[in-house]
Protein backbone atom coordinates (compact mmCIF):
# COMPACT_ATOMS: atom_id res chain seq x y z
CA UNK A 1 -12.09 24.12 -1.26
CA UNK A 2 -12.83 23.05 2.31
CA UNK A 3 -11.07 20.20 4.05
CA UNK A 4 -14.24 18.09 3.74
CA UNK A 5 -14.45 18.83 0.00
CA UNK A 6 -10.78 17.84 -0.40
CA UNK A 7 -11.40 14.59 1.43
CA UNK A 8 -14.48 13.79 -0.67
CA UNK A 9 -12.48 14.43 -3.86
CA UNK A 10 -9.59 12.20 -2.74
CA UNK A 11 -11.86 9.34 -1.70
CA UNK A 12 -13.81 9.58 -4.95
CA UNK A 13 -10.64 9.45 -7.07
CA UNK A 14 -9.23 6.45 -5.19
CA UNK A 15 -12.54 4.56 -5.26
CA UNK A 16 -12.85 5.15 -9.01
CA UNK A 17 -9.45 3.56 -9.69
CA UNK A 18 -10.90 0.06 -9.46
CA UNK A 19 -14.22 -1.71 -10.05
CA UNK A 20 -13.58 -3.74 -6.88
CA UNK A 21 -14.54 -0.62 -4.89
CA UNK A 22 -18.00 -0.41 -6.49
CA UNK A 23 -20.56 -0.34 -3.73
CA UNK A 24 -18.22 0.95 -1.03
CA UNK A 25 -20.27 3.22 1.19
CA UNK A 26 -18.79 6.60 1.95
CA UNK A 27 -19.28 7.44 5.62
CA UNK A 28 -21.03 10.65 6.64
CA UNK A 29 -18.67 11.84 9.37
CA UNK A 30 -15.38 13.56 8.60
CA UNK A 31 -13.44 11.28 10.97
CA UNK A 32 -14.85 8.12 9.37
CA UNK A 33 -14.05 9.51 5.92
CA UNK A 34 -10.46 10.06 7.04
CA UNK A 35 -10.29 6.38 8.04
CA UNK A 36 -11.61 5.35 4.61
CA UNK A 37 -9.12 7.63 2.86
CA UNK A 38 -6.22 6.27 4.91
CA UNK A 39 -7.36 2.70 4.21
CA UNK A 40 -7.51 3.36 0.47
CA UNK A 41 -4.02 4.88 0.55
CA UNK A 42 -2.71 1.96 2.62
CA UNK A 43 -3.90 -0.75 0.22
CA UNK A 44 -3.02 1.09 -2.99
CA UNK A 45 -0.21 -0.43 -4.99
CA UNK A 46 2.42 2.00 -6.28
CA UNK A 47 1.36 3.65 -9.52
CA UNK A 48 1.07 7.11 -11.00
CA UNK A 49 -1.86 9.41 -10.36
CA UNK A 50 -2.79 12.82 -11.70
CA UNK A 51 -1.19 16.09 -10.60
CA UNK A 52 -4.55 17.48 -9.44
CA UNK A 53 -4.96 14.55 -7.03
CA UNK A 54 -1.46 15.08 -5.64
CA UNK A 55 -2.05 18.82 -5.21
CA UNK A 56 -5.30 18.28 -3.30
CA UNK A 57 -3.83 15.39 -1.31
CA UNK A 58 -0.85 17.50 -0.26
CA UNK A 59 -3.11 20.38 0.76
CA UNK A 60 -5.31 18.02 2.78
CA UNK A 61 -2.39 16.28 4.50
CA UNK A 62 -0.62 19.57 5.25
CA UNK A 63 -3.70 20.96 7.00
CA UNK A 64 -4.16 17.70 8.92
CA UNK A 65 -0.52 17.90 9.97
CA UNK A 66 -0.92 21.46 11.24
CA UNK A 67 -4.07 20.46 13.10
CA UNK A 68 -2.18 17.66 14.91
CA UNK A 69 0.58 20.09 15.84
CA UNK A 70 4.13 20.13 14.53
CA UNK A 71 7.13 19.58 16.78
CA UNK A 72 10.36 21.13 15.47
CA UNK A 73 13.31 18.91 16.34
CA UNK A 74 15.33 22.06 17.10
CA UNK A 75 13.11 22.64 20.14
CA UNK A 76 13.77 19.20 21.64
CA UNK A 77 16.14 19.01 24.58
CA UNK A 78 19.32 17.01 24.08
CA UNK A 79 20.27 14.14 26.35
CA UNK A 80 22.84 16.47 27.86
CA UNK A 81 20.13 19.01 28.71
CA UNK A 82 17.71 16.40 30.06
CA UNK A 83 20.24 14.31 31.99
CA UNK A 84 23.14 16.59 32.84
CA UNK A 85 24.92 13.99 35.01
CA UNK A 86 24.86 11.29 32.35
CA UNK A 87 28.24 10.53 30.82
CA UNK A 88 27.84 9.30 27.27
CA UNK A 89 29.34 10.23 23.91
CA UNK A 90 27.38 12.58 21.64
CA UNK A 91 24.93 13.52 24.42
CA UNK A 92 24.88 17.09 23.10
CA UNK A 93 23.72 15.86 19.68
CA UNK A 94 21.04 13.30 20.61
CA UNK A 95 17.46 13.99 21.67
CA UNK A 96 14.83 11.55 22.83
CA UNK A 97 11.20 12.18 21.99
CA UNK A 98 8.16 9.97 22.50
CA UNK A 99 5.01 10.59 20.51
CA UNK A 100 3.52 10.58 17.03
CA UNK A 101 6.54 10.48 14.70
CA UNK A 102 4.53 12.14 11.92
CA UNK A 103 4.35 15.35 13.99
CA UNK A 104 8.12 15.86 13.92
CA UNK A 105 9.57 18.53 11.65
CA UNK A 106 12.76 16.76 10.57
CA UNK A 107 14.77 16.28 7.39
CA UNK A 108 14.50 12.49 7.40
CA UNK A 109 12.98 9.53 9.21
CA UNK A 110 14.74 6.17 9.38
CA UNK A 111 12.38 3.24 9.58
CA UNK A 112 12.83 -0.52 9.43
CA UNK A 113 11.27 -1.62 6.14
CA UNK A 114 9.32 -4.73 5.25
CA UNK A 115 10.71 -7.20 2.70
CA UNK A 116 8.88 -5.47 -0.18
CA UNK A 117 10.34 -2.07 0.77
CA UNK A 118 6.92 -0.58 -0.09
CA UNK A 119 5.39 0.03 3.31
CA UNK A 120 2.56 -1.59 5.22
CA UNK A 121 -0.50 -2.57 3.16
CA UNK A 122 -2.78 -3.30 6.13
CA UNK A 123 -5.47 -0.60 6.30
CA UNK A 124 -4.99 1.65 9.34
CA UNK A 125 -2.47 -0.72 10.91
CA UNK A 126 -0.93 0.87 13.99
CA UNK A 127 2.69 0.33 12.92
CA UNK A 128 5.13 3.19 12.42
CA UNK A 129 5.53 2.36 8.74
CA UNK A 130 1.80 2.73 8.14
CA UNK A 131 1.68 6.00 10.05
CA UNK A 132 4.54 7.44 7.99
CA UNK A 133 3.02 6.38 4.66
CA UNK A 134 -0.42 7.69 5.67
CA UNK A 135 0.95 11.08 6.66
CA UNK A 136 3.22 11.39 3.61
CA UNK A 137 0.68 10.45 0.95
CA UNK A 138 0.75 8.01 -1.92
CA UNK A 139 3.93 9.39 -3.52
CA UNK A 140 6.04 7.81 -0.77
CA UNK A 141 5.12 4.30 -1.89
CA UNK A 142 5.89 5.28 -5.49
CA UNK A 143 9.32 6.54 -4.38
CA UNK A 144 9.94 3.36 -2.38
CA UNK A 145 9.21 1.28 -5.45
CA UNK A 146 11.85 3.22 -7.41
């Protein structure tokens, strides 16, 4: 299955979850389809979905992640390495990185949560919470609900 076929499958499954999406036009370009997919994920309330969807979603998101480029935290310079003259505790254990947080290969991300603890529901909002949920897939919202 190609990346475009995966995306078409995912959009189709999400659109078919509700009658309110009847009549939604599916864009022609891959980039516009990605925006639609992200929007559908962003507005979806937490609920179960089939294993086939999750398998295809994870394949799609993994390839998208690789295409963006992955930054391994182990390759980041510590504060001590960047600013050798700085005197501060734990400078050998702290790194500073600026960029797309979803590109980082890390064990965990700490993020300030909204009052619902379910993530941002605004389609394609440019907040960190939305970026994390969009890159992780719909299971993250389900886990947050638990």
